[in-house]
N, C-alpha and C. Protein backbone atom coordinates (compact mmCIF):
# COMPACT_ATOMS: atom_id res chain seq x y z
N UNK A 1 0.79 -1.04 0.11
CA UNK A 1 -0.22 -0.10 -0.07
C UNK A 1 0.83 1.37 -0.08
N UNK A 2 2.03 1.14 0.68
CA UNK A 2 2.94 2.44 0.84
C UNK A 2 3.19 2.83 -0.58
N UNK A 3 3.66 1.72 -1.33
CA UNK A 3 4.07 1.95 -2.84
C UNK A 3 3.21 2.73 -3.47
N UNK A 4 1.83 2.55 -3.37
CA UNK A 4 0.85 3.23 -4.07
C UNK A 4 0.78 4.63 -3.71
N UNK A 5 1.07 4.97 -2.51
CA UNK A 5 1.06 6.31 -1.89
C UNK A 5 2.17 7.08 -2.38
N UNK A 6 3.34 6.45 -2.62
CA UNK A 6 4.38 7.08 -3.31
C UNK A 6 4.31 7.27 -4.67
N UNK A 7 3.28 6.81 -5.37
CA UNK A 7 3.13 6.84 -6.92
C UNK A 7 3.91 5.73 -7.58
N UNK A 8 4.53 4.76 -6.92
CA UNK A 8 5.08 3.72 -7.56
C UNK A 8 4.18 2.47 -7.68
N UNK A 9 4.51 1.48 -8.60
CA UNK A 9 3.55 0.29 -8.90
C UNK A 9 3.23 -0.21 -7.64
N UNK A 10 2.11 -0.58 -7.41
CA UNK A 10 1.60 -1.29 -6.18
C UNK A 10 2.16 -2.71 -5.97
N UNK A 11 2.10 -3.38 -7.06
CA UNK A 11 2.55 -4.76 -6.96
C UNK A 11 3.92 -5.07 -7.79
N UNK A 12 4.97 -5.64 -7.03
CA UNK A 12 6.03 -6.07 -7.85
C UNK A 12 5.91 -7.45 -8.59
N UNK A 13 6.62 -7.52 -9.43
CA UNK A 13 6.62 -8.97 -10.26
C UNK A 13 7.38 -9.83 -9.21
N UNK A 14 6.56 -11.00 -9.08
CA UNK A 14 7.26 -11.97 -8.24
C UNK A 14 8.48 -12.68 -8.80
N UNK A 15 9.48 -13.06 -7.68
CA UNK A 15 10.71 -13.69 -8.43
C UNK A 15 10.62 -15.12 -8.09
N UNK A 16 11.30 -15.89 -8.96
CA UNK A 16 11.48 -17.42 -8.90
C UNK A 16 12.91 -17.68 -9.50
N UNK A 17 13.75 -18.49 -8.73
CA UNK A 17 14.90 -18.73 -9.32
C UNK A 17 14.82 -19.95 -10.30
N UNK A 18 13.93 -20.70 -10.16
CA UNK A 18 13.71 -21.93 -11.21
C UNK A 18 12.66 -21.61 -12.03
N UNK A 19 11.97 -20.69 -12.14
CA UNK A 19 10.83 -20.65 -13.01
C UNK A 19 9.56 -20.70 -12.55
N UNK A 20 8.53 -20.84 -13.56
CA UNK A 20 7.19 -20.94 -12.96
C UNK A 20 6.50 -21.98 -13.93
N UNK A 21 5.28 -22.39 -13.40
CA UNK A 21 4.51 -23.49 -14.06
C UNK A 21 3.14 -23.19 -13.83
N UNK A 22 2.13 -23.64 -14.55
CA UNK A 22 0.84 -23.66 -14.22
C UNK A 22 0.31 -24.99 -13.54
N UNK A 23 -0.39 -24.69 -12.32
CA UNK A 23 -1.02 -25.96 -11.64
C UNK A 23 -2.62 -25.78 -11.64
N UNK A 24 -3.30 -26.81 -12.07
CA UNK A 24 -4.61 -26.97 -12.21
C UNK A 24 -5.24 -27.41 -10.99
N UNK A 25 -4.81 -28.39 -10.55
CA UNK A 25 -5.42 -28.99 -9.14
C UNK A 25 -4.31 -29.97 -8.58
N UNK A 26 -4.58 -30.04 -7.10
CA UNK A 26 -3.76 -31.08 -6.53
C UNK A 26 -4.73 -32.17 -5.92
N UNK A 27 -4.31 -33.33 -6.01
CA UNK A 27 -5.24 -34.51 -5.60
C UNK A 27 -4.44 -35.56 -4.57
N UNK A 28 -5.20 -36.04 -3.44
CA UNK A 28 -4.59 -37.00 -2.81
C UNK A 28 -4.58 -38.13 -3.32
N UNK A 29 -5.63 -38.53 -4.33
CA UNK A 29 -5.60 -39.87 -5.02
C UNK A 29 -4.80 -39.67 -6.42
N UNK A 30 -3.85 -40.42 -6.86
CA UNK A 30 -3.18 -40.49 -8.10
C UNK A 30 -4.17 -40.66 -9.18
N UNK A 31 -5.08 -41.52 -8.93
CA UNK A 31 -6.11 -41.79 -10.05
C UNK A 31 -6.89 -40.62 -10.56
N UNK A 32 -7.17 -39.71 -9.54
CA UNK A 32 -8.13 -38.62 -9.69
C UNK A 32 -7.22 -37.55 -10.62
N UNK A 33 -5.88 -37.32 -10.23
CA UNK A 33 -5.06 -36.48 -10.95
C UNK A 33 -4.67 -37.00 -12.51
N UNK A 34 -4.78 -38.34 -12.59
CA UNK A 34 -4.65 -39.09 -13.93
C UNK A 34 -5.88 -38.83 -14.74
N UNK A 35 -6.98 -38.76 -14.27
CA UNK A 35 -8.29 -38.40 -14.83
C UNK A 35 -8.30 -36.87 -15.60
N UNK A 36 -7.99 -36.11 -14.62
CA UNK A 36 -7.88 -34.65 -15.26
C UNK A 36 -6.67 -34.45 -16.30
N UNK A 37 -5.50 -35.09 -15.99
CA UNK A 37 -4.55 -34.89 -16.92
C UNK A 37 -4.96 -35.53 -18.30
N UNK A 38 -5.58 -36.68 -18.31
CA UNK A 38 -5.97 -37.43 -19.47
C UNK A 38 -6.96 -36.47 -20.22
N UNK A 39 -7.89 -36.03 -19.51
CA UNK A 39 -8.83 -34.96 -20.05
C UNK A 39 -8.19 -33.98 -20.84
N UNK A 40 -7.22 -33.21 -20.03
CA UNK A 40 -6.49 -32.01 -20.75
C UNK A 40 -5.71 -32.41 -21.94
N UNK A 41 -5.15 -33.48 -21.74
CA UNK A 41 -4.25 -33.99 -22.81
C UNK A 41 -5.03 -34.46 -24.17
N UNK A 42 -6.55 -34.92 -24.05
CA UNK A 42 -7.34 -35.01 -25.18
C UNK A 42 -7.75 -33.67 -25.67
N UNK A 43 -7.57 -32.66 -24.98
CA UNK A 43 -7.77 -31.32 -25.36
C UNK A 43 -6.59 -30.74 -26.02
N UNK A 44 -5.33 -31.33 -26.12
CA UNK A 44 -4.23 -30.83 -26.84
C UNK A 44 -3.16 -30.42 -25.89
N UNK A 45 -3.46 -30.32 -24.54
CA UNK A 45 -2.40 -29.74 -23.67
C UNK A 45 -1.32 -30.77 -23.37
N UNK A 46 -0.04 -30.30 -23.02
CA UNK A 46 1.11 -31.14 -22.67
C UNK A 46 0.97 -30.93 -21.01
N UNK A 47 0.38 -31.87 -20.16
CA UNK A 47 0.32 -31.79 -18.87
C UNK A 47 1.09 -33.02 -18.27
N UNK A 48 1.37 -32.77 -16.92
CA UNK A 48 2.25 -33.83 -16.26
C UNK A 48 1.70 -33.85 -14.87
N UNK A 49 1.60 -34.92 -14.34
CA UNK A 49 1.27 -35.22 -12.91
C UNK A 49 2.67 -35.38 -12.16
N UNK A 50 2.64 -34.54 -11.14
CA UNK A 50 3.90 -34.58 -10.25
C UNK A 50 3.49 -34.86 -8.72
N UNK A 51 4.08 -36.01 -8.22
CA UNK A 51 3.84 -36.31 -6.85
C UNK A 51 4.75 -35.64 -5.92
N UNK A 52 4.33 -35.15 -4.85
CA UNK A 52 5.32 -34.62 -3.68
C UNK A 52 4.44 -34.54 -2.24
N UNK A 53 5.18 -34.58 -1.44
CA UNK A 53 4.76 -34.72 -0.20
C UNK A 53 4.82 -33.17 0.54
N UNK A 54 3.62 -32.78 1.19
CA UNK A 54 3.48 -31.50 1.69
C UNK A 54 2.73 -31.83 3.12
N UNK A 55 3.19 -31.18 4.23
CA UNK A 55 2.61 -31.38 5.35
C UNK A 55 2.25 -32.68 5.71
N UNK A 56 2.97 -33.55 5.40
CA UNK A 56 2.87 -35.15 5.78
C UNK A 56 1.84 -35.83 5.00
N UNK A 57 1.29 -35.21 3.88
CA UNK A 57 0.44 -35.87 3.01
C UNK A 57 1.01 -36.01 1.53
N UNK A 58 0.69 -36.86 0.77
CA UNK A 58 1.15 -37.05 -0.65
C UNK A 58 0.20 -36.24 -1.66
N UNK A 59 0.59 -35.48 -2.39
CA UNK A 59 -0.31 -34.80 -3.31
C UNK A 59 0.31 -35.13 -4.87
N UNK A 60 -0.67 -35.24 -5.49
CA UNK A 60 -0.45 -35.40 -7.00
C UNK A 60 -1.18 -34.05 -7.77
N UNK A 61 0.01 -33.36 -8.38
CA UNK A 61 -0.32 -31.96 -8.68
C UNK A 61 -0.36 -32.23 -10.34
N UNK A 62 -1.49 -31.73 -10.93
CA UNK A 62 -1.56 -31.69 -12.30
C UNK A 62 -0.96 -30.16 -12.88
N UNK A 63 0.06 -30.31 -13.53
CA UNK A 63 0.74 -29.13 -13.94
C UNK A 63 1.16 -29.14 -15.50
N UNK A 64 1.25 -27.78 -16.03
CA UNK A 64 1.52 -27.80 -17.45
C UNK A 64 2.50 -26.58 -17.50
N UNK A 65 3.47 -26.83 -18.50
CA UNK A 65 4.37 -25.74 -18.80
C UNK A 65 5.54 -25.44 -17.97
N UNK A 66 6.50 -24.72 -18.42
CA UNK A 66 7.54 -24.32 -17.66
C UNK A 66 8.12 -22.86 -18.38
N UNK A 67 7.92 -21.70 -17.39
CA UNK A 67 8.09 -20.46 -17.93
C UNK A 67 9.18 -19.87 -16.99
N UNK A 68 10.06 -19.04 -17.83
CA UNK A 68 11.23 -18.48 -17.23
C UNK A 68 10.92 -17.11 -16.47
N UNK A 69 9.57 -16.39 -16.82
CA UNK A 69 9.15 -15.20 -16.18
C UNK A 69 7.66 -15.31 -15.83
N UNK A 70 7.47 -14.40 -14.94
CA UNK A 70 6.06 -14.43 -14.34
C UNK A 70 5.09 -13.94 -15.43
N UNK A 71 5.54 -12.98 -16.31
CA UNK A 71 4.58 -12.44 -17.32
C UNK A 71 4.24 -13.61 -18.36
N UNK A 72 5.17 -14.37 -18.80
CA UNK A 72 4.81 -15.33 -19.55
C UNK A 72 3.91 -16.53 -18.86
N UNK A 73 4.02 -16.72 -17.59
CA UNK A 73 3.27 -17.74 -16.96
C UNK A 73 1.84 -17.20 -16.95
N UNK A 74 1.64 -15.73 -16.56
CA UNK A 74 0.48 -15.19 -16.41
C UNK A 74 -0.28 -15.17 -17.51
N UNK A 75 0.26 -14.92 -18.71
CA UNK A 75 -0.38 -14.98 -19.95
C UNK A 75 -0.84 -16.17 -20.48
N UNK A 76 0.03 -17.24 -20.26
CA UNK A 76 -0.52 -18.83 -20.47
C UNK A 76 -1.60 -19.08 -19.60
N UNK A 77 -1.49 -18.58 -18.27
CA UNK A 77 -2.84 -18.91 -17.39
C UNK A 77 -4.01 -18.41 -18.04
N UNK A 78 -4.02 -17.11 -18.34
CA UNK A 78 -5.25 -16.48 -18.88
C UNK A 78 -5.59 -17.13 -20.09
N UNK A 79 -4.88 -17.65 -21.10
CA UNK A 79 -5.30 -18.31 -22.16
C UNK A 79 -5.92 -19.56 -22.00
N UNK A 80 -5.24 -20.43 -21.03
CA UNK A 80 -5.65 -21.59 -20.56
C UNK A 80 -6.92 -21.41 -20.08
N UNK A 81 -7.22 -20.54 -19.01
CA UNK A 81 -8.60 -20.45 -18.48
C UNK A 81 -9.67 -20.03 -19.43
N UNK A 82 -9.33 -19.32 -20.39
CA UNK A 82 -10.25 -18.77 -21.31
C UNK A 82 -10.75 -20.00 -22.31
N UNK A 83 -9.71 -20.74 -22.72
CA UNK A 83 -10.13 -21.96 -23.47
C UNK A 83 -10.57 -23.10 -22.86
N UNK A 84 -10.26 -23.39 -21.62
CA UNK A 84 -10.76 -24.59 -20.84
C UNK A 84 -11.87 -24.37 -19.80
N UNK A 85 -11.99 -23.10 -19.44
CA UNK A 85 -12.95 -22.91 -18.23
C UNK A 85 -12.68 -23.52 -16.88
N UNK A 86 -11.25 -23.78 -16.87
CA UNK A 86 -10.68 -24.41 -15.78
C UNK A 86 -9.65 -23.33 -15.00
N UNK A 87 -9.74 -23.23 -13.87
CA UNK A 87 -8.82 -22.28 -13.09
C UNK A 87 -7.41 -22.89 -13.06
N UNK A 88 -6.55 -21.98 -13.29
CA UNK A 88 -5.05 -22.47 -13.13
C UNK A 88 -4.55 -21.46 -12.34
N UNK A 89 -3.53 -21.91 -11.49
CA UNK A 89 -2.56 -21.15 -10.63
C UNK A 89 -1.22 -21.00 -11.25
N UNK A 90 -0.54 -19.94 -11.05
CA UNK A 90 0.77 -19.81 -11.34
C UNK A 90 1.46 -20.08 -10.12
N UNK A 91 2.52 -21.10 -10.24
CA UNK A 91 3.21 -21.58 -9.02
C UNK A 91 4.64 -21.43 -9.47
N UNK A 92 5.55 -21.18 -8.34
CA UNK A 92 6.85 -21.20 -8.66
C UNK A 92 7.46 -22.67 -8.41
N UNK A 93 8.69 -22.83 -9.42
CA UNK A 93 9.14 -24.34 -9.36
C UNK A 93 10.34 -24.36 -8.18
């Protein structure tokens, strides 16, 4: 808020050392993640399912793309959501 008062940009571009990706959803069951991934693949998207533990639970994340900068990831998110009517999140790698 202070930046806006000083006339500067209110929101800075987030930083990530490894880049960005889109995440559509995370499931506790691998089968559910695979179902969504298969649906998106049939629609022409190159998606992947990544398994990882968070807070003592195993999650299967449906993800797509690798972007070197925030702006490219955000543009891909907006295009994906418009075409698929599915919410995507930009997450750092």
